[in-house]
C-alpha atoms as a PDB file:
ATOM      1  CA  MET A   1     -12.149   2.220   6.306  1.00  0.00           C
ATOM      2  CA  LYS A   2     -14.438   5.227   6.165  1.00  0.00           C
ATOM      3  CA  LYS A   3     -15.748   7.603   3.530  1.00  0.00           C
ATOM      4  CA  THR A   4     -14.885  11.228   4.253  1.00  0.00           C
ATOM      5  CA  ASN A   5     -16.312  14.583   3.252  1.00  0.00           C
ATOM      6  CA  PHE A   6     -12.946  15.705   1.848  1.00  0.00           C
ATOM      7  CA  ARG A   7     -12.212  16.024  -1.851  1.00  0.00           C
ATOM      8  CA  ILE A   8      -9.265  17.115  -3.948  1.00  0.00           C
ATOM      9  CA  ASN A   9     -10.228  18.477  -7.363  1.00  0.00           C
ATOM     10  CA  ASN A  10     -13.664  16.851  -6.998  1.00  0.00           C
ATOM     11  CA  PHE A  11     -12.263  13.375  -6.260  1.00  0.00           C
ATOM     12  CA  PHE A  12     -13.467  11.879  -3.006  1.00  0.00           C
ATOM     13  CA  ILE A  13     -11.113  10.713  -0.273  1.00  0.00           C
ATOM     14  CA  ILE A  14     -11.369   7.727   2.058  1.00  0.00           C
ATOM     15  CA  ARG A  15      -9.723   7.229   5.441  1.00  0.00           C
ATOM     16  CA  ASN A  16      -8.195   4.054   6.776  1.00  0.00           C
ATOM     17  CA  ASP A  17      -6.908   4.396  10.335  1.00  0.00           C
ATOM     18  CA  LYS A  18      -5.096   7.760  10.184  1.00  0.00           C
ATOM     19  CA  LEU A  19      -4.208   7.627   6.488  1.00  0.00           C
ATOM     20  CA  PHE A  20      -6.154   9.232   3.630  1.00  0.00           C
ATOM     21  CA  TYR A  21      -6.415   7.842   0.101  1.00  0.00           C
ATOM     22  CA  LEU A  22      -7.555   9.556  -3.080  1.00  0.00           C
ATOM     23  CA  THR A  23     -10.207   7.702  -5.075  1.00  0.00           C
ATOM     24  CA  ASP A  24     -11.139   7.930  -8.746  1.00  0.00           C
ATOM     25  CA  ILE A  25     -14.735   8.776  -7.844  1.00  0.00           C
ATOM     26  CA  ASP A  26     -15.914  12.286  -8.626  1.00  0.00           C
ATOM     27  CA  VAL A  27     -19.690  11.852  -9.007  1.00  0.00           C
ATOM     28  CA  LEU A  28     -21.752  12.231  -5.836  1.00  0.00           C
ATOM     29  CA  ASP A  29     -24.296   9.551  -6.769  1.00  0.00           C
ATOM     30  CA  ASP A  30     -21.489   7.060  -7.407  1.00  0.00           C
ATOM     31  CA  TRP A  31     -19.917   7.997  -4.056  1.00  0.00           C
ATOM     32  CA  LYS A  32     -23.177   7.349  -2.237  1.00  0.00           C
ATOM     33  CA  GLU A  33     -23.672   3.968  -3.872  1.00  0.00           C
ATOM     34  CA  VAL A  34     -20.153   2.543  -3.610  1.00  0.00           C
ATOM     35  CA  THR A  35     -19.580   0.084  -0.766  1.00  0.00           C
ATOM     36  CA  ASP A  36     -16.625  -0.019   1.603  1.00  0.00           C
ATOM     37  CA  LYS A  37     -15.575  -3.307   0.034  1.00  0.00           C
ATOM     38  CA  ASP A  38     -15.364  -1.649  -3.391  1.00  0.00           C
ATOM     39  CA  LEU A  39     -13.216   1.155  -1.940  1.00  0.00           C
ATOM     40  CA  GLU A  40     -10.538  -1.270  -0.725  1.00  0.00           C
ATOM     41  CA  ILE A  41      -8.780  -1.117  -4.102  1.00  0.00           C
ATOM     42  CA  PHE A  42      -7.726   2.463  -3.334  1.00  0.00           C
ATOM     43  CA  LEU A  43      -5.809   1.380  -0.215  1.00  0.00           C
ATOM     44  CA  LYS A  44      -3.018  -0.044  -2.360  1.00  0.00           C
ATOM     45  CA  SER A  45      -1.921   3.347  -3.704  1.00  0.00           C
ATOM     46  CA  LYS A  46      -2.703   7.054  -3.844  1.00  0.00           C
ATOM     47  CA  ASP A  47      -1.902   7.856  -0.216  1.00  0.00           C
ATOM     48  CA  CYS A  48      -2.629  11.594   0.015  1.00  0.00           C
ATOM     49  CA  THR A  49      -2.365  11.953   3.806  1.00  0.00           C
ATOM     50  CA  GLU A  50       0.545  14.376   3.769  1.00  0.00           C
ATOM     51  CA  LYS A  51      -1.017  16.659   1.150  1.00  0.00           C
ATOM     52  CA  LEU A  52      -4.464  16.619   2.725  1.00  0.00           C
ATOM     53  CA  ASN A  53      -3.094  17.441   6.175  1.00  0.00           C
ATOM     54  CA  GLU A  54      -1.020  20.242   4.644  1.00  0.00           C
ATOM     55  CA  LEU A  55      -4.112  21.710   2.958  1.00  0.00           C
ATOM     56  CA  LYS A  56      -6.263  21.365   6.073  1.00  0.00           C
ATOM     57  CA  ASN A  57      -3.654  23.155   8.179  1.00  0.00           C
ATOM     58  CA  LEU A  58      -2.968  25.836   5.574  1.00  0.00           C
ATOM     59  CA  TYR A  59      -6.607  26.823   5.194  1.00  0.00           C
ATOM     60  CA  ASP A  60      -7.745  25.855   8.717  1.00  0.00           C
ATOM     61  CA  ILE A  61     -10.608  23.719   7.373  1.00  0.00           C
ATOM     62  CA  ASN A  62     -11.402  20.296   8.774  1.00  0.00           C
ATOM     63  CA  SER A  63     -14.609  19.151   7.084  1.00  0.00           C
ATOM     64  CA  ASN A  64     -16.854  19.470   4.030  1.00  0.00           C
ATOM     65  CA  VAL A  65     -14.216  20.805   1.682  1.00  0.00           C
ATOM     66  CA  ASN A  66     -13.105  20.348  -1.907  1.00  0.00           C
ATOM     67  CA  PHE A  67      -9.506  21.529  -2.260  1.00  0.00           C
ATOM     68  CA  ILE A  68      -8.639  22.639  -5.795  1.00  0.00           C
ATOM     69  CA  ILE A  69      -5.006  22.106  -6.742  1.00  0.00           C
ATOM     70  CA  PRO A  70      -3.830  23.923  -9.901  1.00  0.00           C
ATOM     71  CA  ASP A  71      -1.302  21.208 -10.860  1.00  0.00           C
ATOM     72  CA  PHE A  72      -3.550  18.265 -10.054  1.00  0.00           C
ATOM     73  CA  LYS A  73      -2.321  16.116 -12.955  1.00  0.00           C
ATOM     74  CA  LYS A  74       1.258  16.278 -11.640  1.00  0.00           C
ATOM     75  CA  PHE A  75       0.033  15.588  -8.099  1.00  0.00           C
ATOM     76  CA  ASN A  76      -2.031  12.597  -9.234  1.00  0.00           C
ATOM     77  CA  VAL A  77       0.859  11.147 -11.246  1.00  0.00           C
ATOM     78  CA  SER A  78       3.174  11.484  -8.243  1.00  0.00           C
ATOM     79  CA  LEU A  79       0.653   9.534  -6.123  1.00  0.00           C
ATOM     80  CA  GLN A  80       0.456   6.764  -8.702  1.00  0.00           C
ATOM     81  CA  LYS A  81       4.232   6.439  -8.724  1.00  0.00           C
ATOM     82  CA  GLY A  82       4.241   6.217  -4.948  1.00  0.00           C
ATOM     83  CA  GLY A  83       6.266   9.382  -4.500  1.00  0.00           C
ATOM     84  CA  THR A  84       5.330  12.648  -2.921  1.00  0.00           C
ATOM     85  CA  LYS A  85       5.681  15.964  -4.626  1.00  0.00           C
ATOM     86  CA  VAL A  86       5.347  19.461  -3.240  1.00  0.00           C
ATOM     87  CA  ILE A  87       2.972  21.524  -5.317  1.00  0.00           C
ATOM     88  CA  SER A  88       2.522  25.270  -5.152  1.00  0.00           C
ATOM     89  CA  LEU A  89      -0.927  26.189  -3.933  1.00  0.00           C
ATOM     90  CA  GLY A  90      -0.815  29.810  -5.018  1.00  0.00           C
ATOM     91  CA  PRO A  91      -1.311  32.698  -2.600  1.00  0.00           C
ATOM     92  CA  LYS A  92      -1.443  31.721   1.045  1.00  0.00           C
ATOM     93  CA  LYS A  93      -4.146  32.699   3.450  1.00  0.00           C
ATOM     94  CA  LEU A  94      -3.620  36.186   4.844  1.00  0.00           C
ATOM     95  CA  THR A  95      -3.443  36.550   8.606  1.00  0.00           C
ATOM     96  CA  SER A  96      -3.597  39.697  10.641  1.00  0.00           C
END
């Protein structure tokens, strides 16, 4: 398990193998102090791999990013229920 520099609506994300999990930690000092052992509780639920990969590909960003999702409450509830839900991200990145 590894801490990452990804966040969704200020909540930090951890990685285990190739899967990403959303934590309930949104304070940087708490993030720095928490141990890997304490983060293991987030491996049981809140798999956000699909959504994070979608966001990384959409915006072509692979590090040091805090993605803001307008309907975060719905997204978070869908993670807690174990389901996945497609959420509109608003206007897409313009390409020329």
